Amino acid sequence: MSETHVTVIGNVATEVSYGETNGGVPMASFRLGCTERRYDRQRECWVDGETQWVRVTAWRALAVNLIGSLAKGDPVLVSGRLRVREWTEGEVKRSRAEIDARSVGHDLTRGTTAFRWAAGARGQPPGGPGPVGAEAGSEVVPEWIVSAVEARRGSAVALGAPPAVVAAAVVRALPPGGGPAPGEPGEVAGGSRGGGAAGESG
């Protein structure tokens, strides 16, 4: 059976909940609200249409990175494998759309953000702004990435920019690293960050 991969734009509707499977695999999830925007010709303005609700689940490194990156209300793009879960409550059949996320990012048409390398992230440049102690044996960084980072750092230094501005310039020069493959669904053990109850955004 072929898989259905989708990319969805919406807003984070709940705090990101976090836990681990019985096998120790990190897992995070949140509810995503996707509201249709349409032009009302009678009122001559854009209005909100129906909102669709999707449960987003992430695994391993992506799950860990979501905790420090997303907050309720953030506009995001989510790409991954679409699933429809069905179950029965009494005599009532219910269903829910879910996405096993491969990548998640902020929607930059709505605002700005600054990228920071995670420890051991694939593609992190040597001596880059990522945390100390990155995994040895990470994927070799292409030369053009290293050159871009060094050029931006050199330009900022030449202009006499303070250290914080130099660091920000380096971050803006870096491309995103590859995302981890999603893990296998499993029972979650452990707590959550900020509560994981589903809820609609205000």
C-alpha atoms as a PDB file:
ATOM      1  CA  MET A   1       0.000   0.000   0.000  1.00  0.00           C
ATOM      2  CA  SER A   2       1.440   3.379  -1.016  1.00  0.00           C
ATOM      3  CA  GLU A   3       1.916   6.111   1.558  1.00  0.00           C
ATOM      4  CA  THR A   4       0.337   9.536   1.308  1.00  0.00           C
ATOM      5  CA  HIS A   5       2.758  12.395   1.980  1.00  0.00           C
ATOM      6  CA  VAL A   6       1.393  15.860   2.589  1.00  0.00           C
ATOM      7  CA  THR A   7       2.577  19.364   3.473  1.00  0.00           C
ATOM      8  CA  VAL A   8       0.172  21.311   5.659  1.00  0.00           C
ATOM      9  CA  ILE A   9       0.165  24.969   6.733  1.00  0.00           C
ATOM     10  CA  GLY A  10      -1.486  25.955   9.991  1.00  0.00           C
ATOM     11  CA  ASN A  11      -1.066  27.112  13.576  1.00  0.00           C
ATOM     12  CA  VAL A  12       0.070  25.166  16.622  1.00  0.00           C
ATOM     13  CA  ALA A  13      -3.127  24.784  18.642  1.00  0.00           C
ATOM     14  CA  THR A  14      -1.732  23.133  21.794  1.00  0.00           C
ATOM     15  CA  GLU A  15       1.489  23.059  23.753  1.00  0.00           C
ATOM     16  CA  VAL A  16       3.897  20.407  22.503  1.00  0.00           C
ATOM     17  CA  SER A  17       3.657  17.249  24.607  1.00  0.00           C
ATOM     18  CA  TYR A  18       6.733  15.057  25.011  1.00  0.00           C
ATOM     19  CA  GLY A  19       7.458  11.522  26.158  1.00  0.00           C
ATOM     20  CA  GLU A  20       9.332   8.348  25.280  1.00  0.00           C
ATOM     21  CA  THR A  21       8.219   4.970  23.998  1.00  0.00           C
ATOM     22  CA  ASN A  22       8.861   1.838  26.046  1.00  0.00           C
ATOM     23  CA  GLY A  23      11.992   1.426  23.937  1.00  0.00           C
ATOM     24  CA  GLY A  24      13.294   4.872  24.902  1.00  0.00           C
ATOM     25  CA  VAL A  25      12.509   6.604  21.581  1.00  0.00           C
ATOM     26  CA  PRO A  26      11.685  10.333  22.024  1.00  0.00           C
ATOM     27  CA  MET A  27       8.234  11.337  20.807  1.00  0.00           C
ATOM     28  CA  ALA A  28       6.475  14.701  20.655  1.00  0.00           C
ATOM     29  CA  SER A  29       3.040  15.707  19.450  1.00  0.00           C
ATOM     30  CA  PHE A  30       0.763  18.700  19.092  1.00  0.00           C
ATOM     31  CA  ARG A  31      -2.542  19.627  17.525  1.00  0.00           C
ATOM     32  CA  LEU A  32      -2.456  21.672  14.335  1.00  0.00           C
ATOM     33  CA  GLY A  33      -5.301  23.948  13.259  1.00  0.00           C
ATOM     34  CA  CYS A  34      -5.556  24.605   9.514  1.00  0.00           C
ATOM     35  CA  THR A  35      -7.987  27.398   8.668  1.00  0.00           C
ATOM     36  CA  GLU A  36      -9.017  28.057   5.087  1.00  0.00           C
ATOM     37  CA  ARG A  37      -8.772  31.683   3.914  1.00  0.00           C
ATOM     38  CA  ARG A  38     -11.145  32.779   1.165  1.00  0.00           C
ATOM     39  CA  TYR A  39     -12.145  36.053  -0.430  1.00  0.00           C
ATOM     40  CA  ASP A  40     -15.714  37.180   0.280  1.00  0.00           C
ATOM     41  CA  ARG A  41     -16.794  39.079  -2.830  1.00  0.00           C
ATOM     42  CA  GLN A  42     -19.889  40.536  -1.175  1.00  0.00           C
ATOM     43  CA  ARG A  43     -17.948  41.957   1.777  1.00  0.00           C
ATOM     44  CA  GLU A  44     -14.851  42.571  -0.366  1.00  0.00           C
ATOM     45  CA  CYS A  45     -12.442  41.177   2.198  1.00  0.00           C
ATOM     46  CA  TRP A  46     -10.656  37.971   3.198  1.00  0.00           C
ATOM     47  CA  VAL A  47     -12.475  35.826   5.762  1.00  0.00           C
ATOM     48  CA  ASP A  48     -11.718  32.623   7.672  1.00  0.00           C
ATOM     49  CA  GLY A  49     -13.365  29.466   6.460  1.00  0.00           C
ATOM     50  CA  GLU A  50     -13.641  26.064   8.116  1.00  0.00           C
ATOM     51  CA  THR A  51     -10.832  24.896  10.402  1.00  0.00           C
ATOM     52  CA  GLN A  52      -9.450  21.380  10.058  1.00  0.00           C
ATOM     53  CA  TRP A  53      -7.693  19.780  13.033  1.00  0.00           C
ATOM     54  CA  VAL A  54      -4.726  17.444  12.608  1.00  0.00           C
ATOM     55  CA  ARG A  55      -2.620  15.629  15.204  1.00  0.00           C
ATOM     56  CA  VAL A  56       1.107  15.939  14.421  1.00  0.00           C
ATOM     57  CA  THR A  57       3.551  13.376  15.812  1.00  0.00           C
ATOM     58  CA  ALA A  58       7.344  13.594  15.616  1.00  0.00           C
ATOM     59  CA  TRP A  59      10.059  11.121  16.598  1.00  0.00           C
ATOM     60  CA  ARG A  60      13.689  11.068  17.739  1.00  0.00           C
ATOM     61  CA  ALA A  61      15.729  14.255  17.089  1.00  0.00           C
ATOM     62  CA  LEU A  62      12.790  16.084  15.506  1.00  0.00           C
ATOM     63  CA  ALA A  63      10.723  15.413  18.624  1.00  0.00           C
ATOM     64  CA  VAL A  64      13.457  16.808  20.886  1.00  0.00           C
ATOM     65  CA  ASN A  65      13.913  19.910  18.706  1.00  0.00           C
ATOM     66  CA  LEU A  66      10.180  20.666  18.676  1.00  0.00           C
ATOM     67  CA  ILE A  67      10.194  21.164  22.449  1.00  0.00           C
ATOM     68  CA  GLY A  68      12.576  24.097  22.259  1.00  0.00           C
ATOM     69  CA  SER A  69      11.182  25.565  19.044  1.00  0.00           C
ATOM     70  CA  LEU A  70       7.378  25.664  18.999  1.00  0.00           C
ATOM     71  CA  ALA A  71       4.838  27.461  21.146  1.00  0.00           C
ATOM     72  CA  LYS A  72       1.051  27.516  21.025  1.00  0.00           C
ATOM     73  CA  GLY A  73      -0.122  29.833  18.262  1.00  0.00           C
ATOM     74  CA  ASP A  74       3.021  29.602  16.100  1.00  0.00           C
ATOM     75  CA  PRO A  75       2.404  29.498  12.311  1.00  0.00           C
ATOM     76  CA  VAL A  76       4.103  26.395  10.914  1.00  0.00           C
ATOM     77  CA  LEU A  77       4.518  24.145   7.906  1.00  0.00           C
ATOM     78  CA  VAL A  78       4.419  20.411   8.544  1.00  0.00           C
ATOM     79  CA  SER A  79       5.480  17.769   6.038  1.00  0.00           C
ATOM     80  CA  GLY A  80       5.082  14.043   6.564  1.00  0.00           C
ATOM     81  CA  ARG A  81       3.015  10.900   6.158  1.00  0.00           C
ATOM     82  CA  LEU A  82      -0.762  11.244   6.457  1.00  0.00           C
ATOM     83  CA  ARG A  83      -2.718   8.655   8.416  1.00  0.00           C
ATOM     84  CA  VAL A  84      -6.367   8.386   9.389  1.00  0.00           C
ATOM     85  CA  ARG A  85      -6.948   6.618  12.698  1.00  0.00           C
ATOM     86  CA  GLU A  86     -10.332   5.085  13.388  1.00  0.00           C
ATOM     87  CA  TRP A  87     -11.752   3.767  16.651  1.00  0.00           C
ATOM     88  CA  THR A  88     -15.081   3.048  18.325  1.00  0.00           C
ATOM     89  CA  GLU A  89     -16.458   4.649  21.468  1.00  0.00           C
ATOM     90  CA  GLY A  90     -19.483   2.628  22.487  1.00  0.00           C
ATOM     91  CA  GLU A  91     -21.520   2.437  19.302  1.00  0.00           C
ATOM     92  CA  VAL A  92     -20.021   5.577  17.798  1.00  0.00           C
ATOM     93  CA  LYS A  93     -17.272   5.313  15.201  1.00  0.00           C
ATOM     94  CA  ARG A  94     -14.701   8.104  15.329  1.00  0.00           C
ATOM     95  CA  SER A  95     -11.745   9.067  13.177  1.00  0.00           C
ATOM     96  CA  ARG A  96      -8.821  11.496  13.357  1.00  0.00           C
ATOM     97  CA  ALA A  97      -6.310  12.704  10.791  1.00  0.00           C
ATOM     98  CA  GLU A  98      -2.676  12.410  11.909  1.00  0.00           C
ATOM     99  CA  ILE A  99       0.667  13.296  10.348  1.00  0.00           C
ATOM    100  CA  ASP A 100       3.882  11.437  11.131  1.00  0.00           C
ATOM    101  CA  ALA A 101       6.137  14.450  10.643  1.00  0.00           C
ATOM    102  CA  ARG A 102       9.405  14.291   8.706  1.00  0.00           C
ATOM    103  CA  SER A 103      10.031  18.035   8.972  1.00  0.00           C
ATOM    104  CA  VAL A 104       8.459  21.010  10.740  1.00  0.00           C
ATOM    105  CA  GLY A 105       9.292  24.690  10.321  1.00  0.00           C
ATOM    106  CA  HIS A 106       7.945  28.151  10.977  1.00  0.00           C
ATOM    107  CA  ASP A 107       5.914  29.810   8.212  1.00  0.00           C
ATOM    108  CA  LEU A 108       8.143  32.727   7.213  1.00  0.00           C
ATOM    109  CA  THR A 109       5.343  34.464   5.321  1.00  0.00           C
ATOM    110  CA  ARG A 110       4.000  35.372   8.770  1.00  0.00           C
ATOM    111  CA  GLY A 111       7.175  36.426  10.576  1.00  0.00           C
ATOM    112  CA  THR A 112      10.878  35.800  11.105  1.00  0.00           C
ATOM    113  CA  THR A 113      12.881  33.180  12.948  1.00  0.00           C
ATOM    114  CA  ALA A 114      16.562  32.329  13.563  1.00  0.00           C
ATOM    115  CA  PHE A 115      17.967  28.845  13.006  1.00  0.00           C
ATOM    116  CA  ARG A 116      20.294  27.202  15.550  1.00  0.00           C
ATOM    117  CA  TRP A 117      22.116  23.935  14.911  1.00  0.00           C
ATOM    118  CA  ALA A 118      21.332  21.112  17.324  1.00  0.00           C
ATOM    119  CA  ALA A 119      24.153  19.033  18.773  1.00  0.00           C
ATOM    120  CA  GLY A 120      25.057  16.268  16.341  1.00  0.00           C
ATOM    121  CA  ALA A 121      22.845  17.671  13.576  1.00  0.00           C
ATOM    122  CA  ARG A 122      23.697  16.307  10.135  1.00  0.00           C
ATOM    123  CA  GLY A 123      25.480  18.921   8.060  1.00  0.00           C
ATOM    124  CA  GLN A 124      26.628  21.168  10.930  1.00  0.00           C
ATOM    125  CA  PRO A 125      29.716  23.093   9.791  1.00  0.00           C
ATOM    126  CA  PRO A 126      32.921  22.552  11.779  1.00  0.00           C
ATOM    127  CA  GLY A 127      33.287  25.315  14.364  1.00  0.00           C
ATOM    128  CA  GLY A 128      29.778  26.563  13.589  1.00  0.00           C
ATOM    129  CA  PRO A 129      27.426  28.099  16.129  1.00  0.00           C
ATOM    130  CA  GLY A 130      26.008  24.746  17.219  1.00  0.00           C
ATOM    131  CA  PRO A 131      26.470  23.480  20.787  1.00  0.00           C
ATOM    132  CA  VAL A 132      29.821  22.071  21.858  1.00  0.00           C
ATOM    133  CA  GLY A 133      29.998  18.286  21.827  1.00  0.00           C
ATOM    134  CA  ALA A 134      28.348  17.551  18.504  1.00  0.00           C
ATOM    135  CA  GLU A 135      28.506  13.942  17.473  1.00  0.00           C
ATOM    136  CA  ALA A 136      31.676  12.821  15.774  1.00  0.00           C
ATOM    137  CA  GLY A 137      31.157  11.308  12.374  1.00  0.00           C
ATOM    138  CA  SER A 138      28.404  13.669  11.251  1.00  0.00           C
ATOM    139  CA  GLU A 139      27.912  14.022   7.511  1.00  0.00           C
ATOM    140  CA  VAL A 140      30.643  16.048   5.786  1.00  0.00           C
ATOM    141  CA  VAL A 141      29.542  19.605   5.107  1.00  0.00           C
ATOM    142  CA  PRO A 142      29.661  20.733   1.456  1.00  0.00           C
ATOM    143  CA  GLU A 143      32.372  23.296   0.771  1.00  0.00           C
ATOM    144  CA  TRP A 144      29.923  25.948  -0.445  1.00  0.00           C
ATOM    145  CA  ILE A 145      28.184  25.925   2.954  1.00  0.00           C
ATOM    146  CA  VAL A 146      31.451  26.429   4.820  1.00  0.00           C
ATOM    147  CA  SER A 147      32.434  29.204   2.392  1.00  0.00           C
ATOM    148  CA  ALA A 148      29.092  30.975   2.839  1.00  0.00           C
ATOM    149  CA  VAL A 149      29.389  30.838   6.614  1.00  0.00           C
ATOM    150  CA  GLU A 150      32.950  32.169   6.607  1.00  0.00           C
ATOM    151  CA  ALA A 151      32.132  34.929   4.105  1.00  0.00           C
ATOM    152  CA  ARG A 152      29.193  36.179   6.151  1.00  0.00           C
ATOM    153  CA  ARG A 153      31.224  36.036   9.349  1.00  0.00           C
ATOM    154  CA  GLY A 154      34.090  37.954   7.666  1.00  0.00           C
ATOM    155  CA  SER A 155      31.741  40.636   6.328  1.00  0.00           C
ATOM    156  CA  ALA A 156      30.174  41.204   9.740  1.00  0.00           C
ATOM    157  CA  VAL A 157      33.574  41.419  11.441  1.00  0.00           C
ATOM    158  CA  ALA A 158      34.927  43.832   8.795  1.00  0.00           C
ATOM    159  CA  LEU A 159      32.008  46.172   9.441  1.00  0.00           C
ATOM    160  CA  GLY A 160      32.827  46.221  13.127  1.00  0.00           C
ATOM    161  CA  ALA A 161      29.654  44.402  14.152  1.00  0.00           C
ATOM    162  CA  PRO A 162      29.365  43.314  17.786  1.00  0.00           C
ATOM    163  CA  PRO A 163      29.754  39.560  18.568  1.00  0.00           C
ATOM    164  CA  ALA A 164      25.999  38.992  18.825  1.00  0.00           C
ATOM    165  CA  VAL A 165      25.443  40.382  15.332  1.00  0.00           C
ATOM    166  CA  VAL A 166      28.310  38.289  13.949  1.00  0.00           C
ATOM    167  CA  ALA A 167      26.768  35.153  15.443  1.00  0.00           C
ATOM    168  CA  ALA A 168      23.345  36.022  13.989  1.00  0.00           C
ATOM    169  CA  ALA A 169      24.903  36.580  10.563  1.00  0.00           C
ATOM    170  CA  VAL A 170      26.500  33.142  10.678  1.00  0.00           C
ATOM    171  CA  VAL A 171      23.183  31.535  11.610  1.00  0.00           C
ATOM    172  CA  ARG A 172      21.440  33.215   8.668  1.00  0.00           C
ATOM    173  CA  ALA A 173      24.083  31.820   6.302  1.00  0.00           C
ATOM    174  CA  LEU A 174      23.463  28.231   7.290  1.00  0.00           C
ATOM    175  CA  PRO A 175      21.085  25.931   5.392  1.00  0.00           C
ATOM    176  CA  PRO A 176      18.793  23.596   7.337  1.00  0.00           C
ATOM    177  CA  GLY A 177      20.153  20.144   8.159  1.00  0.00           C
ATOM    178  CA  GLY A 178      18.512  16.909   7.118  1.00  0.00           C
ATOM    179  CA  GLY A 179      15.639  15.757   9.270  1.00  0.00           C
ATOM    180  CA  PRO A 180      15.569  12.345  10.907  1.00  0.00           C
ATOM    181  CA  ALA A 181      13.341   9.587   9.695  1.00  0.00           C
ATOM    182  CA  PRO A 182      10.226   9.169  11.841  1.00  0.00           C
ATOM    183  CA  GLY A 183      10.206   6.342  14.363  1.00  0.00           C
ATOM    184  CA  GLU A 184       7.704   3.650  14.967  1.00  0.00           C
ATOM    185  CA  PRO A 185       4.528   4.395  16.915  1.00  0.00           C
ATOM    186  CA  GLY A 186       4.505   2.969  20.420  1.00  0.00           C
ATOM    187  CA  GLU A 187       3.248   3.413  23.930  1.00  0.00           C
ATOM    188  CA  VAL A 188       4.502   6.589  25.535  1.00  0.00           C
ATOM    189  CA  ALA A 189       5.970   6.653  29.012  1.00  0.00           C
ATOM    190  CA  GLY A 190       6.809   9.879  30.801  1.00  0.00           C
ATOM    191  CA  GLY A 191       5.460  13.349  31.227  1.00  0.00           C
ATOM    192  CA  SER A 192       4.653  16.209  28.920  1.00  0.00           C
ATOM    193  CA  ARG A 193       5.782  19.763  28.488  1.00  0.00           C
ATOM    194  CA  GLY A 194       3.127  22.305  29.221  1.00  0.00           C
ATOM    195  CA  GLY A 195       0.349  19.722  29.060  1.00  0.00           C
ATOM    196  CA  GLY A 196      -0.700  17.790  25.996  1.00  0.00           C
ATOM    197  CA  ALA A 197      -4.467  18.137  26.060  1.00  0.00           C
ATOM    198  CA  ALA A 198      -5.965  18.914  22.702  1.00  0.00           C
ATOM    199  CA  GLY A 199      -7.540  22.300  22.361  1.00  0.00           C
ATOM    200  CA  GLU A 200      -8.466  24.879  19.814  1.00  0.00           C
ATOM    201  CA  SER A 201      -6.436  27.992  19.276  1.00  0.00           C
ATOM    202  CA  GLY A 202      -7.972  31.253  20.285  1.00  0.00           C
END
